[in-house]
Amino acid sequence: MEKINTETKCLSLSFVWGVRAKLRAEGDKLRAEGAKLWAEGDKLWAEGVIAAFGNITIEWKNFNSEKSDCECHLGNGLVFKP
C-alpha cells in the first residue's frame, strides 16, 4: 500500500482554506454593495412617491419569489406590482 504524505495534504488544505476565505470575503463585499444599491433604489422610489403624491404611507406586501420583489401599496390605493 502507498503511504499518504499528511504534511503535503495539510498544506494543500491550508492553501484551499485561504483561497476560500478570500472568495468568501469578496462575496460578502459584493453582497454589501448590492444591499447598498437596493437601499438607494428604495430611497429614490420613496422620494419619487413623496414628490408625486405628498407624504403618504408606503407598504411593501406580497413577496413574488419569481421576481424577488414585493408589491408596493400606497396610502392612496395605488398598487405597483413587480
N, C-alpha and C. Protein backbone atom coordinates (compact mmCIF):
# COMPACT_ATOMS: atom_id res chain seq x y z
N MET A 1 0.83 -1.20 0.00
CA MET A 1 0.00 0.00 0.00
C MET A 1 0.86 1.25 0.00
N GLU A 2 0.34 2.27 -0.61
CA GLU A 2 1.05 3.53 -0.70
C GLU A 2 0.83 4.37 0.54
N LYS A 3 1.88 5.00 1.01
CA LYS A 3 1.76 5.89 2.16
C LYS A 3 1.29 7.26 1.70
N ILE A 4 0.43 7.87 2.49
CA ILE A 4 -0.06 9.22 2.18
C ILE A 4 0.76 10.22 2.98
N ASN A 5 1.26 11.19 2.31
CA ASN A 5 2.04 12.22 2.98
C ASN A 5 1.07 13.24 3.58
N THR A 6 0.82 13.15 4.88
CA THR A 6 -0.16 14.03 5.54
C THR A 6 0.32 15.47 5.62
N GLU A 7 1.64 15.67 5.62
CA GLU A 7 2.18 17.03 5.68
C GLU A 7 1.79 17.81 4.42
N THR A 8 1.90 17.18 3.26
CA THR A 8 1.53 17.83 2.00
C THR A 8 0.03 18.09 1.96
N LYS A 9 -0.74 17.14 2.45
CA LYS A 9 -2.18 17.29 2.46
C LYS A 9 -2.60 18.48 3.31
N CYS A 10 -1.98 18.69 4.45
CA CYS A 10 -2.30 19.81 5.33
C CYS A 10 -1.99 21.13 4.65
N LEU A 11 -0.86 21.18 3.93
CA LEU A 11 -0.51 22.40 3.23
C LEU A 11 -1.53 22.69 2.13
N SER A 12 -1.95 21.68 1.44
CA SER A 12 -2.93 21.86 0.38
C SER A 12 -4.26 22.35 0.95
N LEU A 13 -4.69 21.73 2.04
CA LEU A 13 -5.94 22.17 2.67
C LEU A 13 -5.82 23.58 3.22
N SER A 14 -4.65 23.91 3.75
CA SER A 14 -4.42 25.25 4.25
C SER A 14 -4.51 26.26 3.12
N PHE A 15 -3.92 25.94 1.98
CA PHE A 15 -3.98 26.81 0.82
C PHE A 15 -5.42 27.00 0.35
N VAL A 16 -6.13 25.90 0.23
CA VAL A 16 -7.52 25.95 -0.21
C VAL A 16 -8.36 26.76 0.78
N TRP A 17 -8.10 26.58 2.06
CA TRP A 17 -8.84 27.33 3.08
C TRP A 17 -8.60 28.84 2.91
N GLY A 18 -7.37 29.22 2.62
CA GLY A 18 -7.04 30.63 2.41
C GLY A 18 -7.76 31.20 1.19
N VAL A 19 -7.79 30.43 0.12
CA VAL A 19 -8.49 30.86 -1.10
C VAL A 19 -9.98 30.99 -0.81
N ARG A 20 -10.52 30.01 -0.09
CA ARG A 20 -11.94 30.03 0.26
C ARG A 20 -12.26 31.28 1.08
N ALA A 21 -11.41 31.60 2.04
CA ALA A 21 -11.64 32.76 2.89
C ALA A 21 -11.63 34.05 2.07
N LYS A 22 -10.71 34.16 1.12
CA LYS A 22 -10.64 35.35 0.26
C LYS A 22 -11.90 35.47 -0.60
N LEU A 23 -12.33 34.35 -1.18
CA LEU A 23 -13.53 34.37 -2.01
C LEU A 23 -14.78 34.70 -1.20
N ARG A 24 -14.83 34.16 0.01
CA ARG A 24 -15.97 34.45 0.87
C ARG A 24 -16.01 35.94 1.23
N ALA A 25 -14.85 36.53 1.52
CA ALA A 25 -14.77 37.95 1.83
C ALA A 25 -15.20 38.78 0.63
N GLU A 26 -14.78 38.37 -0.56
CA GLU A 26 -15.18 39.07 -1.78
C GLU A 26 -16.70 38.99 -1.98
N GLY A 27 -17.25 37.80 -1.73
CA GLY A 27 -18.70 37.64 -1.84
C GLY A 27 -19.45 38.49 -0.84
N ASP A 28 -18.95 38.56 0.39
CA ASP A 28 -19.57 39.41 1.41
C ASP A 28 -19.53 40.87 1.00
N LYS A 29 -18.41 41.28 0.42
CA LYS A 29 -18.28 42.67 -0.04
C LYS A 29 -19.29 42.97 -1.15
N LEU A 30 -19.42 42.06 -2.11
CA LEU A 30 -20.38 42.25 -3.20
C LEU A 30 -21.82 42.26 -2.69
N ARG A 31 -22.11 41.40 -1.71
CA ARG A 31 -23.45 41.36 -1.14
C ARG A 31 -23.76 42.69 -0.45
N ALA A 32 -22.79 43.25 0.26
CA ALA A 32 -22.97 44.54 0.93
C ALA A 32 -23.20 45.66 -0.08
N GLU A 33 -22.43 45.63 -1.18
CA GLU A 33 -22.63 46.64 -2.22
C GLU A 33 -24.01 46.52 -2.85
N GLY A 34 -24.47 45.28 -3.05
CA GLY A 34 -25.81 45.06 -3.59
C GLY A 34 -26.89 45.57 -2.66
N ALA A 35 -26.72 45.33 -1.37
CA ALA A 35 -27.69 45.82 -0.39
C ALA A 35 -27.72 47.35 -0.37
N LYS A 36 -26.55 47.95 -0.53
CA LYS A 36 -26.47 49.42 -0.57
C LYS A 36 -27.22 49.95 -1.79
N LEU A 37 -27.02 49.32 -2.95
CA LEU A 37 -27.73 49.75 -4.16
C LEU A 37 -29.23 49.54 -4.03
N TRP A 38 -29.64 48.44 -3.42
CA TRP A 38 -31.05 48.16 -3.20
C TRP A 38 -31.66 49.27 -2.33
N ALA A 39 -30.96 49.65 -1.27
CA ALA A 39 -31.44 50.70 -0.37
C ALA A 39 -31.52 52.05 -1.09
N GLU A 40 -30.53 52.35 -1.95
CA GLU A 40 -30.57 53.59 -2.71
C GLU A 40 -31.75 53.62 -3.66
N GLY A 41 -32.06 52.47 -4.27
CA GLY A 41 -33.23 52.37 -5.14
C GLY A 41 -34.52 52.61 -4.38
N ASP A 42 -34.63 52.02 -3.18
CA ASP A 42 -35.82 52.22 -2.35
C ASP A 42 -35.96 53.68 -1.94
N LYS A 43 -34.82 54.32 -1.64
CA LYS A 43 -34.85 55.74 -1.26
C LYS A 43 -35.33 56.60 -2.44
N LEU A 44 -34.81 56.32 -3.64
CA LEU A 44 -35.26 57.06 -4.82
C LEU A 44 -36.75 56.87 -5.07
N TRP A 45 -37.22 55.63 -4.88
CA TRP A 45 -38.65 55.34 -5.05
C TRP A 45 -39.48 56.15 -4.06
N ALA A 46 -39.07 56.15 -2.81
CA ALA A 46 -39.81 56.88 -1.77
C ALA A 46 -39.81 58.38 -2.07
N GLU A 47 -38.68 58.91 -2.50
CA GLU A 47 -38.61 60.33 -2.85
C GLU A 47 -39.53 60.65 -4.02
N GLY A 48 -39.59 59.76 -5.01
CA GLY A 48 -40.48 59.95 -6.16
C GLY A 48 -41.94 59.92 -5.74
N VAL A 49 -42.30 59.01 -4.85
CA VAL A 49 -43.68 58.92 -4.37
C VAL A 49 -44.05 60.19 -3.61
N ILE A 50 -43.14 60.66 -2.76
CA ILE A 50 -43.39 61.89 -1.99
C ILE A 50 -43.55 63.08 -2.93
N ALA A 51 -42.70 63.16 -3.97
CA ALA A 51 -42.79 64.26 -4.93
C ALA A 51 -44.12 64.23 -5.69
N ALA A 52 -44.60 63.03 -6.02
CA ALA A 52 -45.81 62.90 -6.82
C ALA A 52 -47.09 63.00 -6.00
N PHE A 53 -47.10 62.41 -4.79
CA PHE A 53 -48.34 62.30 -4.02
C PHE A 53 -48.28 62.95 -2.65
N GLY A 54 -47.17 63.48 -2.25
CA GLY A 54 -47.04 64.04 -0.91
C GLY A 54 -46.69 62.96 0.09
N ASN A 55 -46.83 63.28 1.35
CA ASN A 55 -46.42 62.37 2.42
C ASN A 55 -47.53 61.35 2.69
N ILE A 56 -47.47 60.20 1.99
CA ILE A 56 -48.45 59.12 2.19
C ILE A 56 -47.71 57.85 2.61
N THR A 57 -48.46 56.87 3.05
CA THR A 57 -47.83 55.63 3.50
C THR A 57 -47.41 54.77 2.31
N ILE A 58 -46.33 54.05 2.51
CA ILE A 58 -45.82 53.09 1.52
C ILE A 58 -45.66 51.76 2.24
N GLU A 59 -46.31 50.72 1.73
CA GLU A 59 -46.18 49.38 2.33
C GLU A 59 -45.72 48.40 1.26
N TRP A 60 -44.78 47.56 1.64
CA TRP A 60 -44.29 46.51 0.75
C TRP A 60 -44.95 45.20 1.18
N LYS A 61 -45.75 44.60 0.27
CA LYS A 61 -46.51 43.38 0.60
C LYS A 61 -46.37 42.35 -0.52
N ASN A 62 -46.80 41.13 -0.22
CA ASN A 62 -46.95 40.06 -1.21
C ASN A 62 -45.67 39.81 -2.01
N PHE A 63 -44.67 39.24 -1.35
CA PHE A 63 -43.39 38.94 -2.00
C PHE A 63 -43.59 37.99 -3.17
N ASN A 64 -43.00 38.32 -4.32
CA ASN A 64 -43.03 37.49 -5.51
C ASN A 64 -41.67 36.81 -5.64
N SER A 65 -41.64 35.51 -5.40
CA SER A 65 -40.35 34.79 -5.40
C SER A 65 -39.75 34.69 -6.80
N GLU A 66 -40.57 34.70 -7.84
CA GLU A 66 -40.04 34.63 -9.20
C GLU A 66 -39.24 35.88 -9.54
N LYS A 67 -39.71 37.03 -9.06
CA LYS A 67 -39.04 38.30 -9.37
C LYS A 67 -38.23 38.84 -8.19
N SER A 68 -38.26 38.14 -7.07
CA SER A 68 -37.56 38.56 -5.85
C SER A 68 -37.89 40.01 -5.47
N ASP A 69 -39.17 40.32 -5.51
CA ASP A 69 -39.61 41.68 -5.20
C ASP A 69 -41.02 41.64 -4.63
N CYS A 70 -41.42 42.76 -4.03
CA CYS A 70 -42.73 42.88 -3.41
C CYS A 70 -43.57 43.90 -4.15
N GLU A 71 -44.88 43.83 -3.92
CA GLU A 71 -45.79 44.86 -4.41
C GLU A 71 -45.66 46.09 -3.52
N CYS A 72 -45.82 47.26 -4.12
CA CYS A 72 -45.78 48.50 -3.35
C CYS A 72 -47.21 49.05 -3.27
N HIS A 73 -47.74 49.10 -2.05
CA HIS A 73 -49.09 49.63 -1.81
C HIS A 73 -48.97 51.03 -1.23
N LEU A 74 -49.55 51.99 -1.93
CA LEU A 74 -49.53 53.38 -1.45
C LEU A 74 -50.78 53.69 -0.66
N GLY A 75 -50.69 54.68 0.19
CA GLY A 75 -51.81 55.07 1.05
C GLY A 75 -53.02 55.57 0.28
N ASN A 76 -52.85 55.97 -0.97
CA ASN A 76 -53.96 56.47 -1.77
C ASN A 76 -54.65 55.35 -2.55
N GLY A 77 -54.24 54.10 -2.37
CA GLY A 77 -54.88 52.98 -3.02
C GLY A 77 -54.15 52.43 -4.23
N LEU A 78 -53.16 53.13 -4.73
CA LEU A 78 -52.40 52.63 -5.88
C LEU A 78 -51.54 51.45 -5.46
N VAL A 79 -51.44 50.48 -6.36
CA VAL A 79 -50.59 49.31 -6.12
C VAL A 79 -49.67 49.13 -7.32
N PHE A 80 -48.38 49.05 -7.04
CA PHE A 80 -47.37 48.81 -8.08
C PHE A 80 -46.84 47.40 -7.89
N LYS A 81 -46.98 46.58 -8.96
CA LYS A 81 -46.53 45.19 -8.91
C LYS A 81 -45.24 45.04 -9.68
N PRO A 82 -44.35 44.15 -9.21
CA PRO A 82 -43.08 43.94 -9.92
C PRO A 82 -43.28 43.32 -11.29
